[in-house]
Amino acid sequence: MSEQEVEKLNFGTDFSTSIQQLRKLVAMKTASDFGFELADVGYIQRTPIRNDVEELRTRITATEDAVLLLMMEGMM
């Protein structure tokens, strides 16, 4: 959760409202850690960056293979 999102939370002026907001933050952090979505909070788990990294590695490997093949054919 970004600092701007935390600032948007209204902790209110009484103890009860503050506790409810803290419970919401804890629930959102737990959802983030375990990778699930929360209903009625508007929190949706982001796609893990791991998937993007694996896709990038696959692309880089394919590009390197293509460049190597072109270089080898050029030498022949």
N, C-alpha and C. Protein backbone atom coordinates (compact mmCIF):
# COMPACT_ATOMS: atom_id res chain seq x y z
N MET A 1 0.85 -1.17 0.00
CA MET A 1 0.00 0.00 0.00
C MET A 1 0.89 1.23 0.00
N SER A 2 0.59 2.14 -0.88
CA SER A 2 1.41 3.34 -0.98
C SER A 2 1.06 4.34 0.12
N GLU A 3 1.94 5.30 0.29
CA GLU A 3 1.72 6.32 1.31
C GLU A 3 0.47 7.15 1.01
N GLN A 4 0.22 7.40 -0.28
CA GLN A 4 -0.96 8.17 -0.66
C GLN A 4 -2.24 7.42 -0.29
N GLU A 5 -2.24 6.09 -0.48
CA GLU A 5 -3.42 5.30 -0.14
C GLU A 5 -3.68 5.32 1.36
N VAL A 6 -2.62 5.29 2.14
CA VAL A 6 -2.77 5.34 3.60
C VAL A 6 -3.31 6.69 4.02
N GLU A 7 -2.85 7.75 3.36
CA GLU A 7 -3.33 9.10 3.70
C GLU A 7 -4.81 9.26 3.40
N LYS A 8 -5.32 8.52 2.40
CA LYS A 8 -6.74 8.60 2.04
C LYS A 8 -7.63 7.98 3.11
N LEU A 9 -7.10 7.08 3.91
CA LEU A 9 -7.90 6.45 4.96
C LEU A 9 -8.27 7.49 6.01
N ASN A 10 -9.51 7.43 6.44
CA ASN A 10 -9.98 8.36 7.46
C ASN A 10 -9.96 7.65 8.80
N PHE A 11 -8.99 7.99 9.65
CA PHE A 11 -8.90 7.34 10.95
C PHE A 11 -9.88 7.94 11.96
N GLY A 12 -10.59 8.95 11.57
CA GLY A 12 -11.64 9.51 12.41
C GLY A 12 -11.12 10.17 13.66
N THR A 13 -12.07 10.52 14.52
CA THR A 13 -11.71 11.21 15.74
C THR A 13 -11.96 10.36 16.98
N ASP A 14 -12.58 9.19 16.80
CA ASP A 14 -12.83 8.35 17.97
C ASP A 14 -12.06 7.03 17.85
N PHE A 15 -11.95 6.35 18.95
CA PHE A 15 -11.17 5.12 19.05
C PHE A 15 -11.74 4.02 18.16
N SER A 16 -13.04 3.89 18.13
CA SER A 16 -13.70 2.83 17.36
C SER A 16 -13.40 2.94 15.87
N THR A 17 -13.50 4.13 15.33
CA THR A 17 -13.22 4.34 13.91
C THR A 17 -11.76 4.04 13.60
N SER A 18 -10.88 4.45 14.48
CA SER A 18 -9.45 4.19 14.28
C SER A 18 -9.16 2.69 14.28
N ILE A 19 -9.77 1.97 15.20
CA ILE A 19 -9.58 0.51 15.27
C ILE A 19 -10.09 -0.16 14.00
N GLN A 20 -11.23 0.27 13.50
CA GLN A 20 -11.78 -0.31 12.26
C GLN A 20 -10.83 -0.10 11.09
N GLN A 21 -10.24 1.08 11.00
CA GLN A 21 -9.30 1.35 9.92
C GLN A 21 -8.03 0.52 10.06
N LEU A 22 -7.56 0.35 11.28
CA LEU A 22 -6.40 -0.50 11.51
C LEU A 22 -6.69 -1.96 11.14
N ARG A 23 -7.90 -2.42 11.47
CA ARG A 23 -8.29 -3.79 11.09
C ARG A 23 -8.31 -3.94 9.58
N LYS A 24 -8.77 -2.89 8.89
CA LYS A 24 -8.81 -2.92 7.44
C LYS A 24 -7.39 -3.01 6.88
N LEU A 25 -6.45 -2.23 7.43
CA LEU A 25 -5.07 -2.27 6.98
C LEU A 25 -4.44 -3.64 7.20
N VAL A 26 -4.70 -4.24 8.34
CA VAL A 26 -4.17 -5.57 8.64
C VAL A 26 -4.75 -6.60 7.67
N ALA A 27 -6.04 -6.50 7.39
CA ALA A 27 -6.67 -7.43 6.44
C ALA A 27 -6.08 -7.27 5.05
N MET A 28 -5.82 -6.03 4.64
CA MET A 28 -5.24 -5.80 3.32
C MET A 28 -3.81 -6.33 3.24
N LYS A 29 -3.04 -6.17 4.29
CA LYS A 29 -1.67 -6.67 4.32
C LYS A 29 -1.68 -8.19 4.28
N THR A 30 -2.58 -8.80 5.02
CA THR A 30 -2.69 -10.26 5.02
C THR A 30 -3.09 -10.76 3.65
N ALA A 31 -4.04 -10.09 3.02
CA ALA A 31 -4.47 -10.48 1.67
C ALA A 31 -3.30 -10.37 0.69
N SER A 32 -2.51 -9.34 0.84
CA SER A 32 -1.36 -9.16 -0.04
C SER A 32 -0.34 -10.28 0.17
N ASP A 33 -0.08 -10.62 1.42
CA ASP A 33 0.91 -11.66 1.74
C ASP A 33 0.48 -13.04 1.23
N PHE A 34 -0.82 -13.34 1.34
CA PHE A 34 -1.30 -14.66 0.96
C PHE A 34 -1.85 -14.71 -0.46
N GLY A 35 -1.97 -13.56 -1.12
CA GLY A 35 -2.35 -13.53 -2.52
C GLY A 35 -3.82 -13.75 -2.79
N PHE A 36 -4.70 -13.21 -1.98
CA PHE A 36 -6.13 -13.31 -2.27
C PHE A 36 -6.78 -11.94 -2.24
N GLU A 37 -8.01 -11.87 -2.77
CA GLU A 37 -8.73 -10.61 -2.86
C GLU A 37 -9.68 -10.46 -1.67
N LEU A 38 -9.97 -9.22 -1.33
CA LEU A 38 -10.90 -8.93 -0.24
C LEU A 38 -12.19 -8.35 -0.81
N ALA A 39 -13.32 -8.82 -0.30
CA ALA A 39 -14.61 -8.29 -0.72
C ALA A 39 -14.90 -7.01 0.07
N ASP A 40 -15.62 -6.09 -0.56
CA ASP A 40 -16.09 -4.85 0.07
C ASP A 40 -14.97 -3.92 0.53
N VAL A 41 -13.78 -4.12 0.04
CA VAL A 41 -12.67 -3.25 0.42
C VAL A 41 -12.10 -2.57 -0.81
N GLY A 42 -12.31 -3.18 -1.96
CA GLY A 42 -11.77 -2.64 -3.19
C GLY A 42 -10.32 -3.02 -3.39
N TYR A 43 -9.86 -4.03 -2.66
CA TYR A 43 -8.47 -4.46 -2.79
C TYR A 43 -8.41 -5.65 -3.73
N ILE A 44 -7.58 -5.54 -4.76
CA ILE A 44 -7.38 -6.64 -5.70
C ILE A 44 -5.89 -6.93 -5.73
N GLN A 45 -5.56 -8.18 -5.55
CA GLN A 45 -4.16 -8.59 -5.55
C GLN A 45 -3.53 -8.33 -6.91
N ARG A 46 -2.40 -7.71 -6.92
CA ARG A 46 -1.67 -7.46 -8.16
C ARG A 46 -1.07 -8.76 -8.67
N THR A 47 -0.84 -8.79 -9.98
CA THR A 47 -0.18 -9.94 -10.57
C THR A 47 1.26 -9.98 -10.06
N PRO A 48 1.70 -11.15 -9.60
CA PRO A 48 3.07 -11.22 -9.09
C PRO A 48 4.09 -10.83 -10.16
N ILE A 49 5.08 -10.09 -9.75
CA ILE A 49 6.11 -9.65 -10.68
C ILE A 49 6.91 -10.85 -11.18
N ARG A 50 6.87 -11.95 -10.44
CA ARG A 50 7.57 -13.16 -10.84
C ARG A 50 7.17 -13.60 -12.24
N ASN A 51 5.88 -13.49 -12.57
CA ASN A 51 5.39 -13.88 -13.90
C ASN A 51 6.00 -13.00 -14.98
N ASP A 52 6.07 -11.70 -14.72
CA ASP A 52 6.66 -10.77 -15.69
C ASP A 52 8.15 -11.05 -15.89
N VAL A 53 8.84 -11.38 -14.81
CA VAL A 53 10.27 -11.66 -14.89
C VAL A 53 10.51 -12.93 -15.72
N GLU A 54 9.71 -13.96 -15.49
CA GLU A 54 9.87 -15.20 -16.25
C GLU A 54 9.61 -14.97 -17.74
N GLU A 55 8.59 -14.17 -18.06
CA GLU A 55 8.28 -13.87 -19.45
C GLU A 55 9.44 -13.09 -20.09
N LEU A 56 10.01 -12.16 -19.35
CA LEU A 56 11.14 -11.38 -19.86
C LEU A 56 12.35 -12.28 -20.09
N ARG A 57 12.61 -13.20 -19.17
CA ARG A 57 13.73 -14.13 -19.36
C ARG A 57 13.54 -14.97 -20.62
N THR A 58 12.32 -15.43 -20.84
CA THR A 58 12.03 -16.23 -22.03
C THR A 58 12.28 -15.41 -23.29
N ARG A 59 11.84 -14.16 -23.31
CA ARG A 59 12.06 -13.29 -24.46
C ARG A 59 13.54 -13.03 -24.70
N ILE A 60 14.27 -12.77 -23.64
CA ILE A 60 15.71 -12.49 -23.77
C ILE A 60 16.43 -13.71 -24.32
N THR A 61 16.10 -14.89 -23.81
CA THR A 61 16.72 -16.12 -24.29
C THR A 61 16.42 -16.34 -25.76
N ALA A 62 15.18 -16.12 -26.17
CA ALA A 62 14.81 -16.29 -27.58
C ALA A 62 15.54 -15.28 -28.45
N THR A 63 15.67 -14.04 -27.97
CA THR A 63 16.39 -13.01 -28.73
C THR A 63 17.86 -13.36 -28.86
N GLU A 64 18.47 -13.79 -27.77
CA GLU A 64 19.88 -14.18 -27.81
C GLU A 64 20.10 -15.34 -28.77
N ASP A 65 19.20 -16.32 -28.77
CA ASP A 65 19.31 -17.46 -29.68
C ASP A 65 19.19 -17.00 -31.13
N ALA A 66 18.27 -16.08 -31.40
CA ALA A 66 18.09 -15.59 -32.77
C ALA A 66 19.32 -14.81 -33.24
N VAL A 67 19.88 -13.99 -32.38
CA VAL A 67 21.07 -13.22 -32.73
C VAL A 67 22.25 -14.16 -32.98
N LEU A 68 22.42 -15.15 -32.13
CA LEU A 68 23.50 -16.12 -32.29
C LEU A 68 23.36 -16.88 -33.61
N LEU A 69 22.14 -17.28 -33.94
CA LEU A 69 21.89 -17.99 -35.19
C LEU A 69 22.22 -17.10 -36.39
N LEU A 70 21.81 -15.84 -36.34
CA LEU A 70 22.13 -14.92 -37.42
C LEU A 70 23.63 -14.71 -37.56
N MET A 71 24.33 -14.60 -36.45
CA MET A 71 25.78 -14.42 -36.49
C MET A 71 26.47 -15.65 -37.07
N MET A 72 26.01 -16.81 -36.69
CA MET A 72 26.62 -18.06 -37.20
C MET A 72 26.38 -18.22 -38.68
N GLU A 73 25.18 -17.87 -39.15
CA GLU A 73 24.89 -17.98 -40.59
C GLU A 73 25.68 -16.94 -41.37
N GLY A 74 25.95 -15.82 -40.78
CA GLY A 74 26.74 -14.78 -41.44
C GLY A 74 28.18 -15.18 -41.59
N MET A 75 28.69 -16.03 -40.71
CA MET A 75 30.07 -16.46 -40.75
C MET A 75 30.28 -17.56 -41.79
N MET A 76 29.21 -18.22 -42.17
CA MET A 76 29.34 -19.35 -43.11
C MET A 76 29.46 -18.91 -44.52
